[in-house]
Protein backbone atom coordinates (compact mmCIF):
# COMPACT_ATOMS: atom_id res chain seq x y z
CA UNK A 1 22.68 9.06 1.33
CA UNK A 2 19.41 9.98 3.09
CA UNK A 3 18.55 9.56 6.44
CA UNK A 4 16.07 9.02 8.75
CA UNK A 5 14.47 11.99 10.95
CA UNK A 6 12.17 11.93 13.86
CA UNK A 7 10.45 8.81 14.38
CA UNK A 8 8.80 7.87 10.99
CA UNK A 9 10.35 10.19 8.16
CA UNK A 10 13.17 9.84 5.88
CA UNK A 11 14.66 12.38 4.06
CA UNK A 12 16.18 11.59 0.16
CA UNK A 13 19.49 12.70 -0.04
CA UNK A 14 19.39 12.21 -4.35
CA UNK A 15 15.74 12.49 -4.63
CA UNK A 16 14.94 10.55 -7.91
CA UNK A 17 13.02 12.12 -10.66
CA UNK A 18 9.79 11.00 -11.44
CA UNK A 19 10.92 10.51 -15.32
CA UNK A 20 7.45 10.09 -16.71
CA UNK A 21 3.86 8.29 -15.83
CA UNK A 22 0.94 6.63 -17.50
CA UNK A 23 -2.64 6.92 -16.63
CA UNK A 24 -5.69 4.63 -18.02
CA UNK A 25 -9.43 5.46 -17.00
CA UNK A 26 -12.84 3.65 -17.24
CA UNK A 27 -15.48 5.49 -19.24
CA UNK A 28 -17.30 6.86 -16.11
CA UNK A 29 -14.09 8.85 -14.73
CA UNK A 30 -13.83 9.98 -18.64
CA UNK A 31 -16.85 12.10 -17.67
CA UNK A 32 -14.95 13.50 -14.73
CA UNK A 33 -13.59 17.29 -14.35
CA UNK A 34 -9.80 15.33 -14.77
CA UNK A 35 -10.44 13.98 -18.19
CA UNK A 36 -8.21 16.04 -19.83
CA UNK A 37 -5.11 15.18 -17.85
CA UNK A 38 -5.61 10.95 -18.53
CA UNK A 39 -3.61 9.26 -21.05
CA UNK A 40 -6.49 7.48 -21.91
CA UNK A 41 -9.89 6.84 -21.13
CA UNK A 42 -11.85 4.01 -22.33
CA UNK A 43 -14.86 3.50 -24.14
CA UNK A 44 -15.86 0.29 -22.24
CA UNK A 45 -15.70 -0.74 -18.77
CA UNK A 46 -14.52 -4.44 -19.77
CA UNK A 47 -12.07 -3.05 -22.57
CA UNK A 48 -13.00 -5.71 -24.90
CA UNK A 49 -11.89 -8.26 -22.42
CA UNK A 50 -13.53 -11.63 -21.05
CA UNK A 51 -13.68 -10.11 -17.32
CA UNK A 52 -13.62 -7.17 -15.17
CA UNK A 53 -10.77 -8.70 -13.46
CA UNK A 54 -9.00 -9.08 -17.23
CA UNK A 55 -9.86 -5.56 -18.25
CA UNK A 56 -7.95 -4.18 -14.57
CA UNK A 57 -4.72 -5.98 -15.74
CA UNK A 58 -5.09 -4.75 -19.51
CA UNK A 59 -5.49 -1.35 -18.06
CA UNK A 60 -2.39 -1.70 -15.74
CA UNK A 61 -0.11 -3.06 -18.59
CA UNK A 62 -1.10 -0.30 -20.69
CA UNK A 63 -0.61 2.38 -17.94
CA UNK A 64 3.04 0.75 -17.14
CA UNK A 65 4.07 0.96 -20.88
CA UNK A 66 2.79 4.50 -21.32
CA UNK A 67 5.13 5.07 -18.81
CA UNK A 68 7.83 3.49 -20.12
CA UNK A 69 7.03 5.12 -23.51
CA UNK A 70 6.94 8.77 -22.73
CA UNK A 71 10.54 8.51 -21.36
CA UNK A 72 11.44 6.23 -24.28
CA UNK A 73 12.46 2.89 -21.77
CA UNK A 74 12.43 -0.66 -22.38
CA UNK A 75 10.98 -3.00 -20.07
CA UNK A 76 14.73 -4.13 -20.16
CA UNK A 77 16.13 -0.95 -18.60
CA UNK A 78 14.16 -0.97 -15.54
CA UNK A 79 15.50 -2.63 -12.67
CA UNK A 80 12.66 -3.38 -10.44
CA UNK A 81 9.01 -3.46 -11.24
CA UNK A 82 6.54 -2.28 -7.60
CA UNK A 83 2.92 -2.93 -7.83
CA UNK A 84 -0.27 -3.66 -6.16
CA UNK A 85 -3.92 -3.84 -5.98
CA UNK A 86 -6.97 -4.62 -4.27
CA UNK A 87 -7.95 -8.51 -5.86
CA UNK A 88 -7.04 -11.53 -4.33
CA UNK A 89 -3.19 -12.28 -3.72
CA UNK A 90 -2.63 -9.13 -6.50
CA UNK A 91 -3.24 -10.98 -9.01
CA UNK A 92 -3.67 -7.81 -11.19
CA UNK A 93 -0.37 -6.67 -10.64
CA UNK A 94 1.45 -10.21 -10.78
CA UNK A 95 -0.10 -10.71 -14.00
CA UNK A 96 0.94 -7.95 -15.39
CA UNK A 97 4.28 -8.38 -14.09
CA UNK A 98 4.25 -11.65 -16.61
CA UNK A 99 4.14 -9.25 -19.49
CA UNK A 100 6.51 -6.58 -18.59
CA UNK A 101 9.53 -9.00 -18.01
CA UNK A 102 10.48 -6.80 -15.28
CA UNK A 103 11.77 -7.93 -11.99
CA UNK A 104 9.19 -7.99 -9.40
CA UNK A 105 7.93 -7.19 -5.46
CA UNK A 106 4.37 -7.24 -4.98
CA UNK A 107 3.05 -4.72 -2.52
CA UNK A 108 0.00 -4.72 -0.79
CA UNK A 109 -1.12 -1.70 1.23
CA UNK A 110 -4.60 -1.67 -0.11
CA UNK A 111 -5.68 2.14 -1.36
CA UNK A 112 -2.35 3.28 0.10
CA UNK A 113 -0.13 1.69 -2.69
CA UNK A 114 0.52 4.06 -4.80
CA UNK A 115 2.33 5.97 -2.01
CA UNK A 116 3.88 3.50 -0.75
CA UNK A 117 5.33 2.72 -4.12
CA UNK A 118 6.72 5.83 -4.44
CA UNK A 119 8.25 6.10 -1.20
CA UNK A 120 9.67 2.45 -1.86
CA UNK A 121 10.83 3.30 -5.07
CA UNK A 122 12.80 6.54 -3.80
CA UNK A 123 14.53 4.75 -0.86
CA UNK A 124 15.84 2.20 -2.96
CA UNK A 125 16.99 4.39 -6.17
CA UNK A 126 18.82 6.67 -2.97
CA UNK A 127 20.31 3.80 -1.66
CA UNK A 128 22.06 3.03 -4.99
CA UNK A 129 20.29 -0.46 -5.25
CA UNK A 130 18.51 0.49 -8.68
CA UNK A 131 18.76 2.80 -11.48
CA UNK A 132 15.29 2.81 -12.56
CA UNK A 133 12.24 1.86 -10.73
CA UNK A 134 8.53 1.09 -12.21
CA UNK A 135 5.84 1.61 -9.67
CA UNK A 136 2.21 1.11 -10.53
CA UNK A 137 -1.66 0.22 -9.05
CA UNK A 138 -4.69 -0.20 -10.48
CA UNK A 139 -8.52 -0.67 -9.34
CA UNK A 140 -11.58 -1.78 -11.29
CA UNK A 141 -14.91 -0.75 -9.88
CA UNK A 142 -17.03 -4.12 -10.89
CA UNK A 143 -13.98 -6.37 -9.68
CA UNK A 144 -13.66 -4.64 -6.73
CA UNK A 145 -17.26 -4.05 -5.82
CA UNK A 146 -17.72 -7.97 -6.29
CA UNK A 147 -14.96 -9.16 -4.16
CA UNK A 148 -15.48 -6.30 -0.63
CA UNK A 149 -19.26 -5.64 -1.32
CA UNK A 150 -21.75 -6.85 -4.19
CA UNK A 151 -21.36 -7.60 -7.46
CA UNK A 152 -23.35 -4.69 -9.48
CA UNK A 153 -25.45 -6.86 -10.82
CA UNK A 154 -27.24 -7.44 -7.20
CA UNK A 155 -28.38 -3.68 -7.54
CA UNK A 156 -28.13 -3.44 -3.64
CA UNK A 157 -28.97 0.27 -2.44
CA UNK A 158 -25.70 2.38 -1.65
CA UNK A 159 -25.22 4.44 1.09
CA UNK A 160 -24.71 8.36 1.37
CA UNK A 161 -21.36 7.59 3.06
CA UNK A 162 -20.20 4.77 0.66
CA UNK A 163 -17.96 5.74 -1.89
CA UNK A 164 -17.53 4.92 -6.34
CA UNK A 165 -14.18 2.62 -6.42
CA UNK A 166 -12.23 4.30 -9.30
CA UNK A 167 -11.89 2.10 -12.37
CA UNK A 168 -8.22 2.96 -13.64
CA UNK A 169 -4.61 2.48 -13.55
CA UNK A 170 -1.64 4.59 -12.41
CA UNK A 171 2.29 4.08 -13.36
CA UNK A 172 5.21 5.75 -12.49
CA UNK A 173 8.84 5.75 -13.69
CA UNK A 174 11.53 6.81 -11.09
CA UNK A 175 15.16 7.47 -12.42
CA UNK A 176 17.67 9.89 -12.56
CA UNK A 177 17.33 10.83 -16.17
CA UNK A 178 15.32 14.07 -17.73
CA UNK A 179 13.62 16.24 -16.01
CA UNK A 180 10.72 16.70 -13.45
CA UNK A 181 9.54 16.72 -9.99
CA UNK A 182 11.27 14.66 -7.16
CA UNK A 183 10.43 12.42 -4.61
CA UNK A 184 12.33 14.02 -1.71
CA UNK A 185 10.75 12.65 2.04
CA UNK A 186 8.49 9.81 2.70
CA UNK A 187 6.78 8.88 5.83
CA UNK A 188 5.83 5.83 6.71
CA UNK A 189 2.57 5.15 8.72
CA UNK A 190 1.55 2.87 11.82
CA UNK A 191 -1.36 0.50 11.19
CA UNK A 192 -4.22 2.08 13.37
CA UNK A 193 -7.42 -0.41 14.40
CA UNK A 194 -10.18 2.36 15.82
CA UNK A 195 -12.53 -0.08 16.06
CA UNK A 196 -14.34 0.18 12.60
CA UNK A 197 -16.54 -2.56 11.36
CA UNK A 198 -18.45 -0.91 8.56
CA UNK A 199 -17.00 -1.84 5.16
CA UNK A 200 -18.93 0.36 3.61
CA UNK A 201 -17.83 3.30 5.57
CA UNK A 202 -14.12 3.41 4.16
CA UNK A 203 -13.62 7.25 4.88
CA UNK A 204 -14.35 7.20 8.32
CA UNK A 205 -12.41 3.98 8.88
CA UNK A 206 -9.39 5.66 7.33
CA UNK A 207 -9.47 9.13 8.32
CA UNK A 208 -7.42 8.64 11.85
CA UNK A 209 -4.50 6.67 10.05
CA UNK A 210 -4.37 9.99 7.61
CA UNK A 211 -4.02 12.24 10.68
CA UNK A 212 -1.69 10.49 12.38
CA UNK A 213 0.57 10.31 9.58
CA UNK A 214 0.46 14.22 8.26
CA UNK A 215 0.43 15.32 12.06
CA UNK A 216 3.75 12.84 12.08
CA UNK A 217 5.31 14.37 9.05
CA UNK A 218 5.19 17.40 10.43
CA UNK A 219 6.36 16.73 13.97
CA UNK A 220 9.51 14.97 12.19
CA UNK A 221 10.46 17.62 9.55
CA UNK A 222 9.45 20.86 11.67
CA UNK A 223 7.25 21.74 8.68
CA UNK A 224 3.33 22.92 8.46
CA UNK A 225 0.56 23.20 6.31
CA UNK A 226 1.44 26.45 4.93
CA UNK A 227 4.96 24.85 3.39
CA UNK A 228 2.95 23.11 0.73
CA UNK A 229 0.92 24.24 -2.14
CA UNK A 230 -1.49 21.00 -1.61
CA UNK A 231 -1.78 18.43 0.62
CA UNK A 232 -3.83 15.63 -0.63
CA UNK A 233 -5.44 12.26 0.80
CA UNK A 234 -5.73 9.10 -1.27
CA UNK A 235 -9.88 8.31 -0.85
CA UNK A 236 -11.28 9.38 2.26
CA UNK A 237 -13.84 10.94 0.14
CA UNK A 238 -16.04 13.76 1.67
CA UNK A 239 -17.07 12.14 4.92
CA UNK A 240 -13.19 11.02 5.65
CA UNK A 241 -11.90 14.26 4.74
CA UNK A 242 -13.94 16.24 6.73
CA UNK A 243 -13.24 13.98 9.84
CA UNK A 244 -9.47 14.22 9.04
CA UNK A 245 -9.47 17.67 9.02
CA UNK A 246 -11.62 18.02 12.12
CA UNK A 247 -8.95 15.54 14.13
CA UNK A 248 -6.00 17.88 12.56
CA UNK A 249 -7.41 20.82 14.35
CA UNK A 250 -7.90 18.96 17.21
CA UNK A 251 -4.10 18.58 17.26
CA UNK A 252 -3.61 22.46 16.43
CA UNK A 253 -3.29 21.70 12.64
CA UNK A 254 -5.53 23.92 10.55
CA UNK A 255 -5.44 22.67 6.78
CA UNK A 256 -8.01 24.65 5.27
CA UNK A 257 -8.08 25.52 1.25
CA UNK A 258 -4.87 23.49 0.17
CA UNK A 259 -6.71 20.16 1.83
CA UNK A 260 -8.04 17.99 -0.67
CA UNK A 261 -8.64 14.44 -1.46
CA UNK A 262 -8.24 12.27 -4.85
CA UNK A 263 -11.44 10.92 -4.67
CA UNK A 264 -13.00 14.22 -4.60
CA UNK A 265 -11.28 15.46 -7.11
CA UNK A 266 -11.50 13.09 -9.85
CA UNK A 267 -15.20 13.24 -9.81
CA UNK A 268 -18.02 15.71 -10.20
CA UNK A 269 -20.14 14.98 -7.20
CA UNK A 270 -22.81 17.12 -8.37
CA UNK A 271 -23.51 15.18 -11.43
CA UNK A 272 -21.63 11.85 -10.81
CA UNK A 273 -24.04 10.08 -8.62
CA UNK A 274 -20.72 8.34 -6.49
CA UNK A 275 -22.37 9.80 -3.01
CA UNK A 276 -19.10 10.36 -0.81
CA UNK A 277 -16.91 10.51 -3.87
CA UNK A 278 -14.08 7.92 -4.95
CA UNK A 279 -11.94 4.73 -3.53
CA UNK A 280 -10.01 2.11 -4.61
CA UNK A 281 -5.89 2.10 -5.54
CA UNK A 282 -6.49 4.19 -8.50
CA UNK A 283 -8.00 7.01 -7.32
CA UNK A 284 -5.02 8.56 -6.20
CA UNK A 285 -2.47 7.14 -8.50
CA UNK A 286 -4.36 8.62 -11.73
CA UNK A 287 -5.04 12.02 -10.26
CA UNK A 288 -1.21 12.42 -8.78
CA UNK A 289 0.28 10.77 -12.18
CA UNK A 290 -2.11 12.27 -14.25
CA UNK A 291 -3.36 15.63 -13.18
CA UNK A 292 -1.09 16.72 -10.63
CA UNK A 293 1.75 15.39 -12.30
CA UNK A 294 0.99 17.72 -15.72
CA UNK A 295 0.20 20.93 -12.89
CA UNK A 296 3.92 20.00 -11.81
CA UNK A 297 5.59 19.85 -14.72
CA UNK A 298 4.16 23.22 -15.65
CA UNK A 299 5.17 24.67 -12.19
CA UNK A 300 1.56 25.63 -11.41
CA UNK A 301 2.50 24.05 -8.07
CA UNK A 302 5.80 23.21 -6.87
CA UNK A 303 5.33 21.35 -3.58
CA UNK A 304 2.69 18.57 -2.47
CA UNK A 305 2.16 15.86 0.27
CA UNK A 306 0.55 12.73 -0.86
CA UNK A 307 -0.90 11.09 2.05
CA UNK A 308 -2.06 7.13 0.67
CA UNK A 309 -4.46 5.70 2.94
CA UNK A 310 -5.76 2.59 2.86
CA UNK A 311 -7.85 -0.31 4.60
CA UNK A 312 -6.35 -3.54 5.35
CA UNK A 313 -8.94 -5.63 5.86
CA UNK A 314 -10.25 -8.72 3.46
CA UNK A 315 -13.59 -10.28 2.92
CA UNK A 316 -12.60 -13.18 5.18
CA UNK A 317 -11.49 -10.59 8.26
CA UNK A 318 -14.80 -8.71 7.80
CA UNK A 319 -16.88 -11.81 7.38
CA UNK A 320 -15.09 -13.43 10.96
CA UNK A 321 -15.93 -9.85 12.71
CA UNK A 322 -12.75 -8.73 12.43
CA UNK A 323 -12.30 -4.80 13.00
CA UNK A 324 -10.82 -2.71 9.73
CA UNK A 325 -7.31 -1.97 10.52
CA UNK A 326 -5.86 1.27 8.51
CA UNK A 327 -2.56 2.99 7.42
CA UNK A 328 -1.54 5.90 5.81
CA UNK A 329 2.24 6.53 4.10
CA UNK A 330 2.86 10.41 3.28
CA UNK A 331 5.20 11.02 0.24
CA UNK A 332 6.51 14.91 -0.52
CA UNK A 333 6.79 15.37 -4.20
CA UNK A 334 8.56 18.77 -5.00
CA UNK A 335 9.58 20.52 -8.61
């Protein structure tokens, strides 16, 4: 069996394969530089549904079914469905689980959910408690904005450090079937509260948690930044990525050309008005399960470290004057 090394990292003795993936994105995301690496690009942000929330659900179900179809799996062959999202009581995942009919474990890590699901799925498989696990997550710009900030119809002025919630859904099937990149290690993060109170400045809020988990992964494993072809955060955006890089440099870890962020990669920041970049659960899910998964399959890159980042506040906690606690989980993926 795998083992815990250091304080927070788990090495996987029998690394499960990311057998297949499925990705669905909105029309706006389809205008970005990674469009060709997504399985499906919607032509309508509502996806012919009566609400944005139902549109998000339809995307998540579609992404899951695509992942299953790509591996020639049926729902009945999957042991567990691990999923979470941003909407209250993770309703996107819960309602999707009804349609999929797979035993369900709901997750909440905010925008770190993709990494959390991959890490937990790998541990479950390595422990022999399942033979296959489907993990997924999603977000929708219009659904998340009206829950956490303002409805798009309000037309509020966005600040330069704000990010754009990615509309999309991503799913990955973990098993020991076929060939593909494997999940070889996981570092689960601690919740940090650095006193941030601005719910619009998510990059700055999450950067310390990302830096803490990255540094912990290197400390636990003895590896360094040069061990990876790419180190990629979930959705820090330009503001958060720069802050994270600065904090790591103060710890003696210099991340340069191989350090990037999924929220930056998914959009063309010069042509698409997303200010500091993308955010949301789907930011890392669709970039990793779409673009990076294809690059790993082609062996253009051989080892990446994904650091899923999440702000764990809610509208209730923010309205009651609470700070914004954050977390980050790291998953090592290798060919």
